[in-house]
Amino acid sequence: MKEKAVWYDDEEDVLGVRISKGAYWKSVELPSGIIIDVSKDGRITGLEVLRASKVFSGDVKKVIDLAKGQTVLKN
């Protein structure tokens, strides 16, 4: 499976953003429903927004619509 820069999971209602291909170490969940993926050396490798359809509603729902068709990361 190819890694995507931005993705949306309809079933879980999660919007994700892959920032780098660094090795994942752990996730930190913030009270706001944002999860930050971190590498062992402290770099942020990705973000996830829980309940994305509630966060990105109205005109901003375009964020989710665009995430459904994003292209693969190129390095």
PDB file of N, CA and C in Angstrom:
ATOM      1  N   MET A   1       0.832  -1.180   0.000  1.00  0.00           N
ATOM      2  CA  MET A   1       0.000   0.000   0.000  1.00  0.00           C
ATOM      3  C   MET A   1       0.882   1.250   0.000  1.00  0.00           C
ATOM      4  N   LYS A   2       0.576   2.179  -0.847  1.00  0.00           N
ATOM      5  CA  LYS A   2       1.345   3.410  -0.924  1.00  0.00           C
ATOM      6  C   LYS A   2       0.867   4.395   0.131  1.00  0.00           C
ATOM      7  N   GLU A   3       1.826   5.132   0.654  1.00  0.00           N
ATOM      8  CA  GLU A   3       1.525   6.117   1.683  1.00  0.00           C
ATOM      9  C   GLU A   3       0.933   7.367   1.043  1.00  0.00           C
ATOM     10  N   LYS A   4      -0.114   7.897   1.639  1.00  0.00           N
ATOM     11  CA  LYS A   4      -0.752   9.109   1.121  1.00  0.00           C
ATOM     12  C   LYS A   4      -0.364  10.302   1.979  1.00  0.00           C
ATOM     13  N   ALA A   5      -0.358  11.467   1.370  1.00  0.00           N
ATOM     14  CA  ALA A   5      -0.061  12.693   2.100  1.00  0.00           C
ATOM     15  C   ALA A   5      -1.259  13.092   2.959  1.00  0.00           C
ATOM     16  N   VAL A   6      -2.465  12.927   2.423  1.00  0.00           N
ATOM     17  CA  VAL A   6      -3.691  13.252   3.145  1.00  0.00           C
ATOM     18  C   VAL A   6      -4.700  12.148   2.850  1.00  0.00           C
ATOM     19  N   TRP A   7      -5.459  11.731   3.866  1.00  0.00           N
ATOM     20  CA  TRP A   7      -6.445  10.674   3.671  1.00  0.00           C
ATOM     21  C   TRP A   7      -7.630  10.910   4.603  1.00  0.00           C
ATOM     22  N   TYR A   8      -8.747  10.282   4.255  1.00  0.00           N
ATOM     23  CA  TYR A   8      -9.943  10.352   5.085  1.00  0.00           C
ATOM     24  C   TYR A   8     -10.550   8.967   5.193  1.00  0.00           C
ATOM     25  N   ASP A   9     -10.881   8.551   6.402  1.00  0.00           N
ATOM     26  CA  ASP A   9     -11.506   7.257   6.662  1.00  0.00           C
ATOM     27  C   ASP A   9     -12.981   7.507   6.979  1.00  0.00           C
ATOM     28  N   ASP A  10     -13.871   7.132   6.030  1.00  0.00           N
ATOM     29  CA  ASP A  10     -15.316   7.343   6.201  1.00  0.00           C
ATOM     30  C   ASP A  10     -15.873   6.608   7.419  1.00  0.00           C
ATOM     31  N   GLU A  11     -15.433   5.372   7.616  1.00  0.00           N
ATOM     32  CA  GLU A  11     -15.977   4.553   8.701  1.00  0.00           C
ATOM     33  C   GLU A  11     -15.621   5.110  10.074  1.00  0.00           C
ATOM     34  N   GLU A  12     -14.387   5.563  10.233  1.00  0.00           N
ATOM     35  CA  GLU A  12     -13.932   6.065  11.527  1.00  0.00           C
ATOM     36  C   GLU A  12     -14.091   7.585  11.665  1.00  0.00           C
ATOM     37  N   ASP A  13     -14.398   8.273  10.554  1.00  0.00           N
ATOM     38  CA  ASP A  13     -14.519   9.731  10.528  1.00  0.00           C
ATOM     39  C   ASP A  13     -13.229  10.394  11.008  1.00  0.00           C
ATOM     40  N   VAL A  14     -12.115   9.970  10.393  1.00  0.00           N
ATOM     41  CA  VAL A  14     -10.798  10.480  10.754  1.00  0.00           C
ATOM     42  C   VAL A  14     -10.128  11.045   9.508  1.00  0.00           C
ATOM     43  N   LEU A  15      -9.605  12.258   9.635  1.00  0.00           N
ATOM     44  CA  LEU A  15      -8.814  12.883   8.581  1.00  0.00           C
ATOM     45  C   LEU A  15      -7.359  12.804   9.024  1.00  0.00           C
ATOM     46  N   GLY A  16      -6.499  12.290   8.151  1.00  0.00           N
ATOM     47  CA  GLY A  16      -5.086  12.151   8.495  1.00  0.00           C
ATOM     48  C   GLY A  16      -4.196  12.913   7.537  1.00  0.00           C
ATOM     49  N   VAL A  17      -3.078  13.385   8.064  1.00  0.00           N
ATOM     50  CA  VAL A  17      -2.078  14.077   7.260  1.00  0.00           C
ATOM     51  C   VAL A  17      -0.730  13.452   7.565  1.00  0.00           C
ATOM     52  N   ARG A  18      -0.109  12.877   6.557  1.00  0.00           N
ATOM     53  CA  ARG A  18       1.224  12.302   6.712  1.00  0.00           C
ATOM     54  C   ARG A  18       2.217  13.395   6.375  1.00  0.00           C
ATOM     55  N   ILE A  19       3.065  13.761   7.333  1.00  0.00           N
ATOM     56  CA  ILE A  19       4.012  14.847   7.143  1.00  0.00           C
ATOM     57  C   ILE A  19       5.338  14.337   6.614  1.00  0.00           C
ATOM     58  N   SER A  20       5.786  13.204   7.127  1.00  0.00           N
ATOM     59  CA  SER A  20       7.048  12.629   6.658  1.00  0.00           C
ATOM     60  C   SER A  20       6.973  11.114   6.743  1.00  0.00           C
ATOM     61  N   LYS A  21       7.898  10.459   6.086  1.00  0.00           N
ATOM     62  CA  LYS A  21       7.933   9.003   6.087  1.00  0.00           C
ATOM     63  C   LYS A  21       8.767   8.449   7.239  1.00  0.00           C
ATOM     64  N   GLY A  22       9.094   9.283   8.191  1.00  0.00           N
ATOM     65  CA  GLY A  22       9.892   8.850   9.334  1.00  0.00           C
ATOM     66  C   GLY A  22       9.253   7.698  10.086  1.00  0.00           C
ATOM     67  N   ALA A  23      10.086   6.947  10.792  1.00  0.00           N
ATOM     68  CA  ALA A  23       9.613   5.796  11.550  1.00  0.00           C
ATOM     69  C   ALA A  23       8.706   6.244  12.692  1.00  0.00           C
ATOM     70  N   TYR A  24       7.517   5.663  12.742  1.00  0.00           N
ATOM     71  CA  TYR A  24       6.545   5.970  13.787  1.00  0.00           C
ATOM     72  C   TYR A  24       7.030   5.395  15.115  1.00  0.00           C
ATOM     73  N   TRP A  25       6.892   6.170  16.189  1.00  0.00           N
ATOM     74  CA  TRP A  25       7.240   5.694  17.526  1.00  0.00           C
ATOM     75  C   TRP A  25       6.006   5.624  18.411  1.00  0.00           C
ATOM     76  N   LYS A  26       5.312   6.753  18.563  1.00  0.00           N
ATOM     77  CA  LYS A  26       4.109   6.753  19.393  1.00  0.00           C
ATOM     78  C   LYS A  26       3.199   7.905  19.005  1.00  0.00           C
ATOM     79  N   SER A  27       1.974   7.845  19.533  1.00  0.00           N
ATOM     80  CA  SER A  27       0.977   8.883  19.283  1.00  0.00           C
ATOM     81  C   SER A  27       0.653   9.617  20.577  1.00  0.00           C
ATOM     82  N   VAL A  28       0.384  10.903  20.428  1.00  0.00           N
ATOM     83  CA  VAL A  28      -0.026  11.736  21.558  1.00  0.00           C
ATOM     84  C   VAL A  28      -1.396  12.303  21.200  1.00  0.00           C
ATOM     85  N   GLU A  29      -2.403  11.993  22.030  1.00  0.00           N
ATOM     86  CA  GLU A  29      -3.749  12.501  21.759  1.00  0.00           C
ATOM     87  C   GLU A  29      -4.002  13.751  22.595  1.00  0.00           C
ATOM     88  N   LEU A  30      -4.369  14.815  21.919  1.00  0.00           N
ATOM     89  CA  LEU A  30      -4.684  16.069  22.582  1.00  0.00           C
ATOM     90  C   LEU A  30      -6.165  16.092  22.955  1.00  0.00           C
ATOM     91  N   PRO A  31      -6.544  16.866  23.978  1.00  0.00           N
ATOM     92  CA  PRO A  31      -7.955  16.930  24.382  1.00  0.00           C
ATOM     93  C   PRO A  31      -8.890  17.388  23.265  1.00  0.00           C
ATOM     94  N   SER A  32      -8.359  18.077  22.273  1.00  0.00           N
ATOM     95  CA  SER A  32      -9.187  18.599  21.186  1.00  0.00           C
ATOM     96  C   SER A  32      -9.562  17.531  20.152  1.00  0.00           C
ATOM     97  N   GLY A  33      -9.062  16.300  20.330  1.00  0.00           N
ATOM     98  CA  GLY A  33      -9.367  15.246  19.373  1.00  0.00           C
ATOM     99  C   GLY A  33      -8.373  15.183  18.227  1.00  0.00           C
ATOM    100  N   ILE A  34      -7.213  15.768  18.419  1.00  0.00           N
ATOM    101  CA  ILE A  34      -6.145  15.688  17.424  1.00  0.00           C
ATOM    102  C   ILE A  34      -5.082  14.750  17.962  1.00  0.00           C
ATOM    103  N   ILE A  35      -4.633  13.840  17.115  1.00  0.00           N
ATOM    104  CA  ILE A  35      -3.586  12.894  17.487  1.00  0.00           C
ATOM    105  C   ILE A  35      -2.338  13.255  16.700  1.00  0.00           C
ATOM    106  N   ILE A  36      -1.215  13.336  17.404  1.00  0.00           N
ATOM    107  CA  ILE A  36       0.059  13.659  16.779  1.00  0.00           C
ATOM    108  C   ILE A  36       0.929  12.407  16.813  1.00  0.00           C
ATOM    109  N   ASP A  37       1.398  11.966  15.641  1.00  0.00           N
ATOM    110  CA  ASP A  37       2.310  10.832  15.541  1.00  0.00           C
ATOM    111  C   ASP A  37       3.739  11.365  15.582  1.00  0.00           C
ATOM    112  N   VAL A  38       4.561  10.737  16.421  1.00  0.00           N
ATOM    113  CA  VAL A  38       5.913  11.222  16.667  1.00  0.00           C
ATOM    114  C   VAL A  38       6.923  10.105  16.414  1.00  0.00           C
ATOM    115  N   SER A  39       8.104  10.481  15.889  1.00  0.00           N
ATOM    116  CA  SER A  39       9.198   9.521  15.711  1.00  0.00           C
ATOM    117  C   SER A  39      10.045   9.517  16.984  1.00  0.00           C
ATOM    118  N   LYS A  40      10.950   8.534  17.123  1.00  0.00           N
ATOM    119  CA  LYS A  40      11.793   8.445  18.323  1.00  0.00           C
ATOM    120  C   LYS A  40      12.667   9.664  18.509  1.00  0.00           C
ATOM    121  N   ASP A  41      13.038  10.318  17.417  1.00  0.00           N
ATOM    122  CA  ASP A  41      13.892  11.505  17.544  1.00  0.00           C
ATOM    123  C   ASP A  41      13.075  12.788  17.749  1.00  0.00           C
ATOM    124  N   GLY A  42      11.768  12.647  17.965  1.00  0.00           N
ATOM    125  CA  GLY A  42      10.923  13.784  18.315  1.00  0.00           C
ATOM    126  C   GLY A  42      10.290  14.524  17.157  1.00  0.00           C
ATOM    127  N   ARG A  43      10.472  14.028  15.929  1.00  0.00           N
ATOM    128  CA  ARG A  43       9.845  14.694  14.778  1.00  0.00           C
ATOM    129  C   ARG A  43       8.385  14.272  14.649  1.00  0.00           C
ATOM    130  N   ILE A  44       7.545  15.214  14.265  1.00  0.00           N
ATOM    131  CA  ILE A  44       6.141  14.898  13.994  1.00  0.00           C
ATOM    132  C   ILE A  44       6.068  14.252  12.620  1.00  0.00           C
ATOM    133  N   THR A  45       5.505  13.036  12.566  1.00  0.00           N
ATOM    134  CA  THR A  45       5.403  12.323  11.291  1.00  0.00           C
ATOM    135  C   THR A  45       4.005  12.377  10.701  1.00  0.00           C
ATOM    136  N   GLY A  46       3.006  12.690  11.539  1.00  0.00           N
ATOM    137  CA  GLY A  46       1.646  12.761  11.025  1.00  0.00           C
ATOM    138  C   GLY A  46       0.675  13.323  12.047  1.00  0.00           C
ATOM    139  N   LEU A  47      -0.496  13.672  11.550  1.00  0.00           N
ATOM    140  CA  LEU A  47      -1.580  14.189  12.386  1.00  0.00           C
ATOM    141  C   LEU A  47      -2.865  13.493  12.000  1.00  0.00           C
ATOM    142  N   GLU A  48      -3.738  13.285  12.972  1.00  0.00           N
ATOM    143  CA  GLU A  48      -5.064  12.745  12.700  1.00  0.00           C
ATOM    144  C   GLU A  48      -6.081  13.612  13.424  1.00  0.00           C
ATOM    145  N   VAL A  49      -7.181  13.902  12.757  1.00  0.00           N
ATOM    146  CA  VAL A  49      -8.268  14.688  13.345  1.00  0.00           C
ATOM    147  C   VAL A  49      -9.461  13.758  13.526  1.00  0.00           C
ATOM    148  N   LEU A  50      -9.810  13.493  14.784  1.00  0.00           N
ATOM    149  CA  LEU A  50     -10.956  12.644  15.088  1.00  0.00           C
ATOM    150  C   LEU A  50     -12.241  13.441  14.892  1.00  0.00           C
ATOM    151  N   ARG A  51     -13.327  12.734  14.563  1.00  0.00           N
ATOM    152  CA  ARG A  51     -14.628  13.375  14.309  1.00  0.00           C
ATOM    153  C   ARG A  51     -14.481  14.499  13.282  1.00  0.00           C
ATOM    154  N   ALA A  52     -13.760  14.190  12.226  1.00  0.00           N
ATOM    155  CA  ALA A  52     -13.411  15.187  11.208  1.00  0.00           C
ATOM    156  C   ALA A  52     -14.632  15.837  10.568  1.00  0.00           C
ATOM    157  N   SER A  53     -15.707  15.088  10.372  1.00  0.00           N
ATOM    158  CA  SER A  53     -16.888  15.673   9.723  1.00  0.00           C
ATOM    159  C   SER A  53     -17.535  16.752  10.592  1.00  0.00           C
ATOM    160  N   LYS A  54     -17.301  16.702  11.896  1.00  0.00           N
ATOM    161  CA  LYS A  54     -17.819  17.745  12.790  1.00  0.00           C
ATOM    162  C   LYS A  54     -16.879  18.960  12.778  1.00  0.00           C
ATOM    163  N   VAL A  55     -15.581  18.708  12.692  1.00  0.00           N
ATOM    164  CA  VAL A  55     -14.586  19.787  12.668  1.00  0.00           C
ATOM    165  C   VAL A  55     -14.631  20.523  11.333  1.00  0.00           C
ATOM    166  N   PHE A  56     -14.691  19.737  10.235  1.00  0.00           N
ATOM    167  CA  PHE A  56     -14.692  20.312   8.888  1.00  0.00           C
ATOM    168  C   PHE A  56     -16.100  20.236   8.304  1.00  0.00           C
ATOM    169  N   SER A  57     -16.957  21.150   8.725  1.00  0.00           N
ATOM    170  CA  SER A  57     -18.331  21.170   8.228  1.00  0.00           C
ATOM    171  C   SER A  57     -18.573  22.442   7.427  1.00  0.00           C
ATOM    172  N   GLY A  58     -19.722  22.535   6.822  1.00  0.00           N
ATOM    173  CA  GLY A  58     -20.049  23.711   6.019  1.00  0.00           C
ATOM    174  C   GLY A  58     -19.098  23.858   4.844  1.00  0.00           C
ATOM    175  N   ASP A  59     -18.673  25.085   4.582  1.00  0.00           N
ATOM    176  CA  ASP A  59     -17.774  25.352   3.461  1.00  0.00           C
ATOM    177  C   ASP A  59     -16.427  24.647   3.612  1.00  0.00           C
ATOM    178  N   VAL A  60     -16.002  24.451   4.856  1.00  0.00           N
ATOM    179  CA  VAL A  60     -14.697  23.849   5.105  1.00  0.00           C
ATOM    180  C   VAL A  60     -14.718  22.332   4.888  1.00  0.00           C
ATOM    181  N   LYS A  61     -15.898  21.764   4.649  1.00  0.00           N
ATOM    182  CA  LYS A  61     -16.017  20.328   4.361  1.00  0.00           C
ATOM    183  C   LYS A  61     -15.205  19.958   3.124  1.00  0.00           C
ATOM    184  N   LYS A  62     -14.847  20.942   2.318  1.00  0.00           N
ATOM    185  CA  LYS A  62     -14.021  20.691   1.132  1.00  0.00           C
ATOM    186  C   LYS A  62     -12.709  20.016   1.498  1.00  0.00           C
ATOM    187  N   VAL A  63     -12.223  20.250   2.707  1.00  0.00           N
ATOM    188  CA  VAL A  63     -10.987  19.616   3.168  1.00  0.00           C
ATOM    189  C   VAL A  63     -11.128  18.094   3.107  1.00  0.00           C
ATOM    190  N   ILE A  64     -12.245  17.580   3.598  1.00  0.00           N
ATOM    191  CA  ILE A  64     -12.493  16.136   3.577  1.00  0.00           C
ATOM    192  C   ILE A  64     -12.689  15.653   2.144  1.00  0.00           C
ATOM    193  N   ASP A  65     -13.463  16.388   1.364  1.00  0.00           N
ATOM    194  CA  ASP A  65     -13.710  15.987  -0.022  1.00  0.00           C
ATOM    195  C   ASP A  65     -12.399  15.883  -0.804  1.00  0.00           C
ATOM    196  N   LEU A  66     -11.512  16.832  -0.616  1.00  0.00           N
ATOM    197  CA  LEU A  66     -10.219  16.789  -1.305  1.00  0.00           C
ATOM    198  C   LEU A  66      -9.332  15.670  -0.782  1.00  0.00           C
ATOM    199  N   ALA A  67      -9.403  15.387   0.515  1.00  0.00           N
ATOM    200  CA  ALA A  67      -8.578  14.330   1.103  1.00  0.00           C
ATOM    201  C   ALA A  67      -8.931  12.954   0.560  1.00  0.00           C
ATOM    202  N   LYS A  68     -10.171  12.771   0.132  1.00  0.00           N
ATOM    203  CA  LYS A  68     -10.591  11.472  -0.400  1.00  0.00           C
ATOM    204  C   LYS A  68      -9.889  11.147  -1.716  1.00  0.00           C
ATOM    205  N   GLY A  69      -9.376  12.153  -2.416  1.00  0.00           N
ATOM    206  CA  GLY A  69      -8.746  11.896  -3.709  1.00  0.00           C
ATOM    207  C   GLY A  69      -7.298  12.341  -3.795  1.00  0.00           C
ATOM    208  N   GLN A  70      -6.613  12.450  -2.664  1.00  0.00           N
ATOM    209  CA  GLN A  70      -5.236  12.943  -2.662  1.00  0.00           C
ATOM    210  C   GLN A  70      -4.273  11.970  -3.334  1.00  0.00           C
ATOM    211  N   THR A  71      -3.154  12.523  -3.738  1.00  0.00           N
ATOM    212  CA  THR A  71      -2.122  11.749  -4.417  1.00  0.00           C
ATOM    213  C   THR A  71      -1.084  11.216  -3.423  1.00  0.00           C
ATOM    214  N   VAL A  72      -0.238  10.337  -3.913  1.00  0.00           N
ATOM    215  CA  VAL A  72       0.783   9.682  -3.107  1.00  0.00           C
ATOM    216  C   VAL A  72       1.930  10.638  -2.830  1.00  0.00           C
ATOM    217  N   LEU A  73       2.519  10.527  -1.625  1.00  0.00           N
ATOM    218  CA  LEU A  73       3.699  11.322  -1.266  1.00  0.00           C
ATOM    219  C   LEU A  73       4.849  11.017  -2.219  1.00  0.00           C
ATOM    220  N   LYS A  74       5.590  12.037  -2.593  1.00  0.00           N
ATOM    221  CA  LYS A  74       6.759  11.847  -3.456  1.00  0.00           C
ATOM    222  C   LYS A  74       7.976  12.359  -2.730  1.00  0.00           C
ATOM    223  N   ASN A  75       8.988  11.535  -2.606  1.00  0.00           N
ATOM    224  CA  ASN A  75      10.263  11.953  -1.992  1.00  0.00           C
ATOM    225  C   ASN A  75      11.410  11.674  -2.894  1.00  0.00           C
TER     226      ASN A  75
END
